Amino acid sequence: MKQNQLTINRFRVARQKSELESDVIAVEEPLQILLQQKNKTHAFSITMRTPGNDVQLTYGLLFCEGVIRFAADILSIDATDFKDKIGVEANIITVKLSNNTSLDLSHQKRSHPSYSGCGFCGKTSLKALELKPLRGLRAIKTPINNLLIKQLRTQLARQDLFSNTGGSHVAGLIYEVENKLEINHSPFFEDVGRHNALDKLIGNELQQNDLSQPGILLLSGRIGFELVQKAIVAGFSTIVALGAPSSLAIQAARQFEITLIGFAKDSSFNLYTSYN
């Protein structure tokens, strides 16, 4: 069994009958990220996540939080595993930052466990987003229609963790190369947390191509502000999601000219903003 899923026994109760069966569930464990620079170590965050692609998660999270701007800002990553007093596997990642990286943690509020995304509310969030170092938006030229949406939904359904457990979120980037989408050759990442899945994707793109590849950002769940915020910081111009957007997510998409699609189904979708 993979490290991101495990098998347990549970009772299935239906029509006044119960049967003992096995079930595959998604794993959730804590990840503590420590930042090291100039012989000093700082606790950055404790994040509940699904194990796997922790390096990409770390790159993506630190990028979205403004700690790093480029992959080269990280000199090395060291991972350590141990079990705490109650037997839970607690994972620690130590990130050694370049001395040229400006490290200011006075505004960070991630020393506590993070569960579903961080950020401030309303106008404060949008104002804070304006002050972040943003990548230029990478526009796509492929027209979005019902046939394309159906193809994108098929790609989401093929992801292993979701297929086996039904308990994970997926974030994928459908690359556009020479005005054509590469639907079958694009990266996907899974996690119990929506924001973690997207951080893993962003971290991968930062490492692989310095976030230069245009494409459609594909999300399996609802669209909260924190997901749109990460997309804007990373320079994704188009978001397609299976779920509903929040009011602040729509407001942010409109303010930063992000094409936002929600409730993506095989035969219909809702277009909340359009700038392509």
C-alpha atoms as a PDB file:
ATOM      1  CA  MET A   1       0.000   0.000   0.000  1.00  0.00           C
ATOM      2  CA  LYS A   2       1.282   3.465  -0.889  1.00  0.00           C
ATOM      3  CA  GLN A   3       2.375   5.872   1.848  1.00  0.00           C
ATOM      4  CA  ASN A   4      -0.495   8.246   1.000  1.00  0.00           C
ATOM      5  CA  GLN A   5      -3.230   5.656   1.630  1.00  0.00           C
ATOM      6  CA  LEU A   6      -3.908   2.786   4.009  1.00  0.00           C
ATOM      7  CA  THR A   7      -6.445   0.009   4.538  1.00  0.00           C
ATOM      8  CA  ILE A   8      -8.681  -0.190   7.623  1.00  0.00           C
ATOM      9  CA  ASN A   9     -11.625  -2.321   8.701  1.00  0.00           C
ATOM     10  CA  ARG A  10     -15.019  -0.706   9.056  1.00  0.00           C
ATOM     11  CA  PHE A  11     -18.669  -1.749   9.188  1.00  0.00           C
ATOM     12  CA  ARG A  12     -20.903  -1.035   6.219  1.00  0.00           C
ATOM     13  CA  VAL A  13     -24.452  -0.470   7.458  1.00  0.00           C
ATOM     14  CA  ALA A  14     -27.282  -0.663   4.923  1.00  0.00           C
ATOM     15  CA  ARG A  15     -30.913  -1.776   5.155  1.00  0.00           C
ATOM     16  CA  GLN A  16     -30.557  -2.697   8.827  1.00  0.00           C
ATOM     17  CA  LYS A  17     -27.646  -5.021   8.084  1.00  0.00           C
ATOM     18  CA  SER A  18     -23.977  -4.517   8.892  1.00  0.00           C
ATOM     19  CA  GLU A  19     -20.944  -6.195   7.357  1.00  0.00           C
ATOM     20  CA  LEU A  20     -17.270  -5.947   8.256  1.00  0.00           C
ATOM     21  CA  GLU A  21     -15.306  -4.820   5.206  1.00  0.00           C
ATOM     22  CA  SER A  22     -11.962  -3.261   4.421  1.00  0.00           C
ATOM     23  CA  ASP A  23     -11.691   0.294   3.186  1.00  0.00           C
ATOM     24  CA  VAL A  24      -8.896   2.365   1.656  1.00  0.00           C
ATOM     25  CA  ILE A  25      -8.537   5.849   3.102  1.00  0.00           C
ATOM     26  CA  ALA A  26      -6.297   8.820   2.413  1.00  0.00           C
ATOM     27  CA  VAL A  27      -3.507   9.403   4.944  1.00  0.00           C
ATOM     28  CA  GLU A  28      -3.251  12.710   6.797  1.00  0.00           C
ATOM     29  CA  GLU A  29      -0.127  13.552   8.815  1.00  0.00           C
ATOM     30  CA  PRO A  30       1.599  16.687  10.124  1.00  0.00           C
ATOM     31  CA  LEU A  31       4.532  18.258   8.320  1.00  0.00           C
ATOM     32  CA  GLN A  32       6.657  20.787  10.156  1.00  0.00           C
ATOM     33  CA  ILE A  33       8.726  23.147   8.029  1.00  0.00           C
ATOM     34  CA  LEU A  34      11.835  24.727   9.535  1.00  0.00           C
ATOM     35  CA  LEU A  35      13.767  27.505   7.815  1.00  0.00           C
ATOM     36  CA  GLN A  36      17.527  27.711   8.247  1.00  0.00           C
ATOM     37  CA  GLN A  37      19.635  30.704   7.306  1.00  0.00           C
ATOM     38  CA  LYS A  38      22.927  32.110   8.588  1.00  0.00           C
ATOM     39  CA  ASN A  39      23.195  29.356  11.229  1.00  0.00           C
ATOM     40  CA  LYS A  40      19.772  30.218  12.648  1.00  0.00           C
ATOM     41  CA  THR A  41      16.694  27.978  12.492  1.00  0.00           C
ATOM     42  CA  HIS A  42      13.146  29.324  12.478  1.00  0.00           C
ATOM     43  CA  ALA A  43       9.873  27.380  12.813  1.00  0.00           C
ATOM     44  CA  PHE A  44       7.739  28.321   9.815  1.00  0.00           C
ATOM     45  CA  SER A  45       4.646  26.113   9.819  1.00  0.00           C
ATOM     46  CA  ILE A  46       2.975  22.882  10.806  1.00  0.00           C
ATOM     47  CA  THR A  47       0.767  21.722   7.951  1.00  0.00           C
ATOM     48  CA  MET A  48      -1.606  18.773   7.907  1.00  0.00           C
ATOM     49  CA  ARG A  49      -1.109  17.040   4.574  1.00  0.00           C
ATOM     50  CA  THR A  50      -1.061  13.743   2.696  1.00  0.00           C
ATOM     51  CA  PRO A  51       2.524  12.377   2.577  1.00  0.00           C
ATOM     52  CA  GLY A  52       4.123  12.428  -0.834  1.00  0.00           C
ATOM     53  CA  ASN A  53       5.605  15.229  -2.925  1.00  0.00           C
ATOM     54  CA  ASP A  54       6.648  16.999   0.281  1.00  0.00           C
ATOM     55  CA  VAL A  55       9.520  18.739  -1.487  1.00  0.00           C
ATOM     56  CA  GLN A  56       7.153  20.208  -4.080  1.00  0.00           C
ATOM     57  CA  LEU A  57       4.731  21.152  -1.296  1.00  0.00           C
ATOM     58  CA  THR A  58       7.517  22.994   0.518  1.00  0.00           C
ATOM     59  CA  TYR A  59       8.643  24.891  -2.572  1.00  0.00           C
ATOM     60  CA  GLY A  60       5.062  25.831  -3.430  1.00  0.00           C
ATOM     61  CA  LEU A  61       4.088  26.903   0.069  1.00  0.00           C
ATOM     62  CA  LEU A  62       7.207  29.023   0.575  1.00  0.00           C
ATOM     63  CA  PHE A  63       6.713  30.613  -2.847  1.00  0.00           C
ATOM     64  CA  CYS A  64       3.052  31.436  -2.257  1.00  0.00           C
ATOM     65  CA  GLU A  65       3.852  32.867   1.174  1.00  0.00           C
ATOM     66  CA  GLY A  66       6.523  35.127  -0.317  1.00  0.00           C
ATOM     67  CA  VAL A  67       9.458  33.509   1.493  1.00  0.00           C
ATOM     68  CA  ILE A  68      11.135  32.565  -1.814  1.00  0.00           C
ATOM     69  CA  ARG A  69      10.763  33.926  -5.344  1.00  0.00           C
ATOM     70  CA  PHE A  70      12.824  31.380  -7.261  1.00  0.00           C
ATOM     71  CA  ALA A  71      13.755  27.720  -6.812  1.00  0.00           C
ATOM     72  CA  ALA A  72      17.400  28.778  -6.415  1.00  0.00           C
ATOM     73  CA  ASP A  73      16.495  30.588  -3.175  1.00  0.00           C
ATOM     74  CA  ILE A  74      16.493  27.130  -1.545  1.00  0.00           C
ATOM     75  CA  LEU A  75      19.958  25.634  -1.205  1.00  0.00           C
ATOM     76  CA  SER A  76      18.895  22.284   0.240  1.00  0.00           C
ATOM     77  CA  ILE A  77      16.014  20.405   1.859  1.00  0.00           C
ATOM     78  CA  ASP A  78      16.516  17.795   4.572  1.00  0.00           C
ATOM     79  CA  ALA A  79      13.658  15.517   5.632  1.00  0.00           C
ATOM     80  CA  THR A  80      13.454  13.720   8.986  1.00  0.00           C
ATOM     81  CA  ASP A  81      10.801  11.290  10.238  1.00  0.00           C
ATOM     82  CA  PHE A  82       9.996  10.385  13.822  1.00  0.00           C
ATOM     83  CA  LYS A  83       7.049   9.229  15.919  1.00  0.00           C
ATOM     84  CA  ASP A  84       5.738  11.360  18.742  1.00  0.00           C
ATOM     85  CA  LYS A  85       4.479  10.097  22.130  1.00  0.00           C
ATOM     86  CA  ILE A  86       1.107   8.972  20.775  1.00  0.00           C
ATOM     87  CA  GLY A  87       2.609   7.107  17.832  1.00  0.00           C
ATOM     88  CA  VAL A  88       1.717   9.537  15.075  1.00  0.00           C
ATOM     89  CA  GLU A  89       4.364   9.896  12.410  1.00  0.00           C
ATOM     90  CA  ALA A  90       5.493  13.497  12.491  1.00  0.00           C
ATOM     91  CA  ASN A  91       7.598  14.650   9.591  1.00  0.00           C
ATOM     92  CA  ILE A  92      10.050  17.517   9.701  1.00  0.00           C
ATOM     93  CA  ILE A  93      11.571  19.315   6.736  1.00  0.00           C
ATOM     94  CA  THR A  94      14.491  21.677   7.210  1.00  0.00           C
ATOM     95  CA  VAL A  95      14.939  24.177   4.406  1.00  0.00           C
ATOM     96  CA  LYS A  96      18.297  25.881   4.026  1.00  0.00           C
ATOM     97  CA  LEU A  97      17.801  29.259   2.398  1.00  0.00           C
ATOM     98  CA  SER A  98      20.295  31.274   0.419  1.00  0.00           C
ATOM     99  CA  ASN A  99      21.858  34.111   2.392  1.00  0.00           C
ATOM    100  CA  ASN A 100      20.706  36.428  -0.379  1.00  0.00           C
ATOM    101  CA  THR A 101      17.067  35.626   0.414  1.00  0.00           C
ATOM    102  CA  SER A 102      15.408  38.261   2.569  1.00  0.00           C
ATOM    103  CA  LEU A 103      13.805  36.386   5.454  1.00  0.00           C
ATOM    104  CA  ASP A 104      11.204  38.382   7.364  1.00  0.00           C
ATOM    105  CA  LEU A 105       8.825  36.204   9.389  1.00  0.00           C
ATOM    106  CA  SER A 106       7.308  39.023  11.409  1.00  0.00           C
ATOM    107  CA  HIS A 107       4.142  38.956   9.266  1.00  0.00           C
ATOM    108  CA  GLN A 108       3.828  35.177   9.155  1.00  0.00           C
ATOM    109  CA  LYS A 109       1.041  33.515  11.123  1.00  0.00           C
ATOM    110  CA  ARG A 110       1.794  29.890  10.296  1.00  0.00           C
ATOM    111  CA  SER A 111       3.467  28.710  13.492  1.00  0.00           C
ATOM    112  CA  HIS A 112       0.174  26.988  14.351  1.00  0.00           C
ATOM    113  CA  PRO A 113      -1.240  23.997  12.456  1.00  0.00           C
ATOM    114  CA  SER A 114      -2.736  24.904   9.071  1.00  0.00           C
ATOM    115  CA  TYR A 115      -5.768  22.951   7.934  1.00  0.00           C
ATOM    116  CA  SER A 116      -7.616  24.551   5.036  1.00  0.00           C
ATOM    117  CA  GLY A 117      -5.725  27.634   3.937  1.00  0.00           C
ATOM    118  CA  CYS A 118      -4.678  30.932   5.409  1.00  0.00           C
ATOM    119  CA  GLY A 119      -5.295  34.575   4.614  1.00  0.00           C
ATOM    120  CA  PHE A 120      -7.203  37.598   5.805  1.00  0.00           C
ATOM    121  CA  CYS A 121     -10.743  38.466   4.856  1.00  0.00           C
ATOM    122  CA  GLY A 122     -12.369  40.856   2.415  1.00  0.00           C
ATOM    123  CA  LYS A 123     -10.585  43.997   1.300  1.00  0.00           C
ATOM    124  CA  THR A 124      -7.621  43.277   3.557  1.00  0.00           C
ATOM    125  CA  SER A 125      -6.942  40.071   1.630  1.00  0.00           C
ATOM    126  CA  LEU A 126      -7.084  41.762  -1.753  1.00  0.00           C
ATOM    127  CA  LYS A 127      -4.876  44.614  -0.587  1.00  0.00           C
ATOM    128  CA  ALA A 128      -2.320  42.150   0.794  1.00  0.00           C
ATOM    129  CA  LEU A 129      -2.398  40.272  -2.507  1.00  0.00           C
ATOM    130  CA  GLU A 130      -1.596  43.473  -4.415  1.00  0.00           C
ATOM    131  CA  LEU A 131       1.578  43.822  -2.365  1.00  0.00           C
ATOM    132  CA  LYS A 132       2.870  40.312  -3.127  1.00  0.00           C
ATOM    133  CA  PRO A 133       5.519  39.815  -5.823  1.00  0.00           C
ATOM    134  CA  LEU A 134       3.351  38.404  -8.618  1.00  0.00           C
ATOM    135  CA  ARG A 135       4.384  36.475 -11.714  1.00  0.00           C
ATOM    136  CA  GLY A 136       2.974  37.833 -14.966  1.00  0.00           C
ATOM    137  CA  LEU A 137      -0.181  36.029 -16.056  1.00  0.00           C
ATOM    138  CA  ARG A 138       0.417  33.435 -18.766  1.00  0.00           C
ATOM    139  CA  ALA A 139      -2.631  33.688 -21.013  1.00  0.00           C
ATOM    140  CA  ILE A 140      -3.901  30.710 -22.991  1.00  0.00           C
ATOM    141  CA  LYS A 141      -5.380  30.802 -26.496  1.00  0.00           C
ATOM    142  CA  THR A 142      -7.362  27.559 -26.493  1.00  0.00           C
ATOM    143  CA  PRO A 143     -11.152  28.215 -26.452  1.00  0.00           C
ATOM    144  CA  ILE A 144     -12.985  26.553 -23.574  1.00  0.00           C
ATOM    145  CA  ASN A 145     -16.116  24.564 -24.464  1.00  0.00           C
ATOM    146  CA  ASN A 146     -18.174  21.661 -23.120  1.00  0.00           C
ATOM    147  CA  LEU A 147     -16.098  19.011 -24.911  1.00  0.00           C
ATOM    148  CA  LEU A 148     -12.887  20.339 -23.362  1.00  0.00           C
ATOM    149  CA  ILE A 149     -14.458  20.483 -19.885  1.00  0.00           C
ATOM    150  CA  LYS A 150     -15.530  16.845 -20.203  1.00  0.00           C
ATOM    151  CA  GLN A 151     -11.968  15.852 -21.150  1.00  0.00           C
ATOM    152  CA  LEU A 152     -10.584  17.748 -18.148  1.00  0.00           C
ATOM    153  CA  ARG A 153     -13.042  16.047 -15.783  1.00  0.00           C
ATOM    154  CA  THR A 154     -11.912  12.668 -17.108  1.00  0.00           C
ATOM    155  CA  GLN A 155      -8.309  13.511 -16.199  1.00  0.00           C
ATOM    156  CA  LEU A 156      -9.322  14.385 -12.631  1.00  0.00           C
ATOM    157  CA  ALA A 157     -11.178  11.086 -12.212  1.00  0.00           C
ATOM    158  CA  ARG A 158      -8.074   9.114 -13.228  1.00  0.00           C
ATOM    159  CA  GLN A 159      -5.942  10.231 -10.278  1.00  0.00           C
ATOM    160  CA  ASP A 160      -4.938   7.278  -8.076  1.00  0.00           C
ATOM    161  CA  LEU A 161      -5.576   8.592  -4.568  1.00  0.00           C
ATOM    162  CA  PHE A 162      -9.000   9.961  -5.420  1.00  0.00           C
ATOM    163  CA  SER A 163      -9.937   6.839  -7.390  1.00  0.00           C
ATOM    164  CA  ASN A 164      -9.008   4.568  -4.476  1.00  0.00           C
ATOM    165  CA  THR A 165     -10.265   6.619  -1.536  1.00  0.00           C
ATOM    166  CA  GLY A 166     -12.634   9.344  -2.745  1.00  0.00           C
ATOM    167  CA  GLY A 167     -11.059  11.418   0.024  1.00  0.00           C
ATOM    168  CA  SER A 168      -8.551  13.652  -1.741  1.00  0.00           C
ATOM    169  CA  HIS A 169      -8.407  16.855  -3.733  1.00  0.00           C
ATOM    170  CA  VAL A 170      -6.605  17.192  -7.044  1.00  0.00           C
ATOM    171  CA  ALA A 171      -4.787  20.105  -8.661  1.00  0.00           C
ATOM    172  CA  GLY A 172      -3.483  19.836 -12.196  1.00  0.00           C
ATOM    173  CA  LEU A 173      -2.053  22.084 -14.875  1.00  0.00           C
ATOM    174  CA  ILE A 174      -3.069  21.279 -18.446  1.00  0.00           C
ATOM    175  CA  TYR A 175      -0.128  22.602 -20.453  1.00  0.00           C
ATOM    176  CA  GLU A 176      -0.705  24.648 -23.572  1.00  0.00           C
ATOM    177  CA  VAL A 177       2.127  24.178 -26.093  1.00  0.00           C
ATOM    178  CA  GLU A 178       2.002  25.975 -29.451  1.00  0.00           C
ATOM    179  CA  ASN A 179      -1.657  26.883 -28.860  1.00  0.00           C
ATOM    180  CA  LYS A 180      -2.617  23.247 -28.196  1.00  0.00           C
ATOM    181  CA  LEU A 181      -3.504  21.668 -24.865  1.00  0.00           C
ATOM    182  CA  GLU A 182      -1.503  18.603 -23.830  1.00  0.00           C
ATOM    183  CA  ILE A 183      -4.282  16.939 -21.870  1.00  0.00           C
ATOM    184  CA  ASN A 184      -2.529  13.580 -21.428  1.00  0.00           C
ATOM    185  CA  HIS A 185       0.931  14.910 -20.570  1.00  0.00           C
ATOM    186  CA  SER A 186       0.376  17.396 -17.754  1.00  0.00           C
ATOM    187  CA  PRO A 187       1.179  17.233 -14.012  1.00  0.00           C
ATOM    188  CA  PHE A 188      -1.395  16.399 -11.321  1.00  0.00           C
ATOM    189  CA  PHE A 189      -0.989  16.370  -7.538  1.00  0.00           C
ATOM    190  CA  GLU A 190      -3.277  15.073  -4.791  1.00  0.00           C
ATOM    191  CA  ASP A 191      -3.752  15.794  -1.103  1.00  0.00           C
ATOM    192  CA  VAL A 192      -6.438  15.767   1.585  1.00  0.00           C
ATOM    193  CA  GLY A 193      -6.162  19.566   1.522  1.00  0.00           C
ATOM    194  CA  ARG A 194      -7.134  21.632  -1.522  1.00  0.00           C
ATOM    195  CA  HIS A 195      -4.451  24.225  -0.828  1.00  0.00           C
ATOM    196  CA  ASN A 196      -1.784  21.534  -0.305  1.00  0.00           C
ATOM    197  CA  ALA A 197      -2.535  19.942  -3.683  1.00  0.00           C
ATOM    198  CA  LEU A 198      -2.136  23.332  -5.346  1.00  0.00           C
ATOM    199  CA  ASP A 199       1.059  24.104  -3.410  1.00  0.00           C
ATOM    200  CA  LYS A 200       2.523  20.801  -4.631  1.00  0.00           C
ATOM    201  CA  LEU A 201       1.653  21.723  -8.203  1.00  0.00           C
ATOM    202  CA  ILE A 202       3.093  25.233  -7.904  1.00  0.00           C
ATOM    203  CA  GLY A 203       6.249  23.894  -6.261  1.00  0.00           C
ATOM    204  CA  ASN A 204       6.695  21.411  -9.092  1.00  0.00           C
ATOM    205  CA  GLU A 205       6.286  24.122 -11.731  1.00  0.00           C
ATOM    206  CA  LEU A 206       8.702  26.412  -9.881  1.00  0.00           C
ATOM    207  CA  GLN A 207      11.345  23.667  -9.870  1.00  0.00           C
ATOM    208  CA  GLN A 208      10.760  22.371 -13.396  1.00  0.00           C
ATOM    209  CA  ASN A 209      10.270  25.495 -15.487  1.00  0.00           C
ATOM    210  CA  ASP A 210      10.348  28.545 -13.191  1.00  0.00           C
ATOM    211  CA  LEU A 211       6.566  28.894 -13.568  1.00  0.00           C
ATOM    212  CA  SER A 212       6.888  29.778 -17.241  1.00  0.00           C
ATOM    213  CA  GLN A 213       4.504  27.189 -18.726  1.00  0.00           C
ATOM    214  CA  PRO A 214       1.025  28.467 -19.702  1.00  0.00           C
ATOM    215  CA  GLY A 215      -2.005  26.262 -19.220  1.00  0.00           C
ATOM    216  CA  ILE A 216      -5.351  25.678 -17.514  1.00  0.00           C
ATOM    217  CA  LEU A 217      -5.331  25.238 -13.742  1.00  0.00           C
ATOM    218  CA  LEU A 218      -7.702  22.371 -12.925  1.00  0.00           C
ATOM    219  CA  LEU A 219      -9.121  21.958  -9.395  1.00  0.00           C
ATOM    220  CA  SER A 220     -11.333  19.188  -8.056  1.00  0.00           C
ATOM    221  CA  GLY A 221     -13.174  21.054  -5.310  1.00  0.00           C
ATOM    222  CA  ARG A 222     -14.742  24.387  -4.541  1.00  0.00           C
ATOM    223  CA  ILE A 223     -12.849  27.591  -5.306  1.00  0.00           C
ATOM    224  CA  GLY A 224     -11.979  29.500  -2.148  1.00  0.00           C
ATOM    225  CA  PHE A 225     -10.114  32.791  -2.094  1.00  0.00           C
ATOM    226  CA  GLU A 226      -6.872  31.141  -0.970  1.00  0.00           C
ATOM    227  CA  LEU A 227      -6.775  29.028  -4.150  1.00  0.00           C
ATOM    228  CA  VAL A 228      -7.347  32.018  -6.429  1.00  0.00           C
ATOM    229  CA  GLN A 229      -4.712  33.906  -4.439  1.00  0.00           C
ATOM    230  CA  LYS A 230      -2.135  31.158  -5.068  1.00  0.00           C
ATOM    231  CA  ALA A 231      -3.065  31.042  -8.764  1.00  0.00           C
ATOM    232  CA  ILE A 232      -2.561  34.793  -9.091  1.00  0.00           C
ATOM    233  CA  VAL A 233       0.799  34.759  -7.313  1.00  0.00           C
ATOM    234  CA  ALA A 234       1.968  31.904  -9.565  1.00  0.00           C
ATOM    235  CA  GLY A 235       0.693  33.544 -12.774  1.00  0.00           C
ATOM    236  CA  PHE A 236      -2.056  31.107 -13.828  1.00  0.00           C
ATOM    237  CA  SER A 237      -4.594  32.954 -15.973  1.00  0.00           C
ATOM    238  CA  THR A 238      -7.375  30.357 -16.186  1.00  0.00           C
ATOM    239  CA  ILE A 239      -9.014  28.262 -13.453  1.00  0.00           C
ATOM    240  CA  VAL A 240     -11.479  25.423 -14.021  1.00  0.00           C
ATOM    241  CA  ALA A 241     -12.986  23.762 -10.942  1.00  0.00           C
ATOM    242  CA  LEU A 242     -15.657  21.175 -10.253  1.00  0.00           C
ATOM    243  CA  GLY A 243     -17.073  23.087  -7.298  1.00  0.00           C
ATOM    244  CA  ALA A 244     -18.496  26.490  -6.488  1.00  0.00           C
ATOM    245  CA  PRO A 245     -16.496  29.703  -6.072  1.00  0.00           C
ATOM    246  CA  SER A 246     -16.814  31.964  -3.062  1.00  0.00           C
ATOM    247  CA  SER A 247     -17.703  35.639  -3.430  1.00  0.00           C
ATOM    248  CA  LEU A 248     -14.170  36.746  -2.561  1.00  0.00           C
ATOM    249  CA  ALA A 249     -12.692  34.265  -5.039  1.00  0.00           C
ATOM    250  CA  ILE A 250     -14.798  35.836  -7.800  1.00  0.00           C
ATOM    251  CA  GLN A 251     -13.871  39.336  -6.660  1.00  0.00           C
ATOM    252  CA  ALA A 252     -10.150  38.492  -6.720  1.00  0.00           C
ATOM    253  CA  ALA A 253     -10.453  36.848 -10.151  1.00  0.00           C
ATOM    254  CA  ARG A 254     -12.156  39.926 -11.555  1.00  0.00           C
ATOM    255  CA  GLN A 255      -9.679  42.332  -9.983  1.00  0.00           C
ATOM    256  CA  PHE A 256      -6.659  40.449 -11.362  1.00  0.00           C
ATOM    257  CA  GLU A 257      -8.338  39.441 -14.667  1.00  0.00           C
ATOM    258  CA  ILE A 258      -8.369  35.686 -14.095  1.00  0.00           C
ATOM    259  CA  THR A 259     -10.767  33.562 -16.146  1.00  0.00           C
ATOM    260  CA  LEU A 260     -12.780  31.621 -13.560  1.00  0.00           C
ATOM    261  CA  ILE A 261     -14.996  28.607 -14.286  1.00  0.00           C
ATOM    262  CA  GLY A 262     -16.890  26.643 -11.654  1.00  0.00           C
ATOM    263  CA  PHE A 263     -19.440  23.806 -11.462  1.00  0.00           C
ATOM    264  CA  ALA A 264     -17.648  22.125 -14.380  1.00  0.00           C
ATOM    265  CA  LYS A 265     -19.805  19.200 -15.531  1.00  0.00           C
ATOM    266  CA  ASP A 266     -19.761  16.954 -18.580  1.00  0.00           C
ATOM    267  CA  SER A 267     -22.435  19.014 -20.351  1.00  0.00           C
ATOM    268  CA  SER A 268     -22.283  22.431 -18.678  1.00  0.00           C
ATOM    269  CA  PHE A 269     -20.157  24.885 -16.726  1.00  0.00           C
ATOM    270  CA  ASN A 270     -20.515  28.295 -15.092  1.00  0.00           C
ATOM    271  CA  LEU A 271     -18.330  31.136 -16.386  1.00  0.00           C
ATOM    272  CA  TYR A 272     -17.875  33.776 -13.676  1.00  0.00           C
ATOM    273  CA  THR A 273     -15.179  35.874 -15.376  1.00  0.00           C
ATOM    274  CA  SER A 274     -13.564  35.736 -18.810  1.00  0.00           C
ATOM    275  CA  TYR A 275     -10.363  37.473 -19.952  1.00  0.00           C
ATOM    276  CA  ASN A 276      -8.912  35.044 -22.543  1.00  0.00           C
END
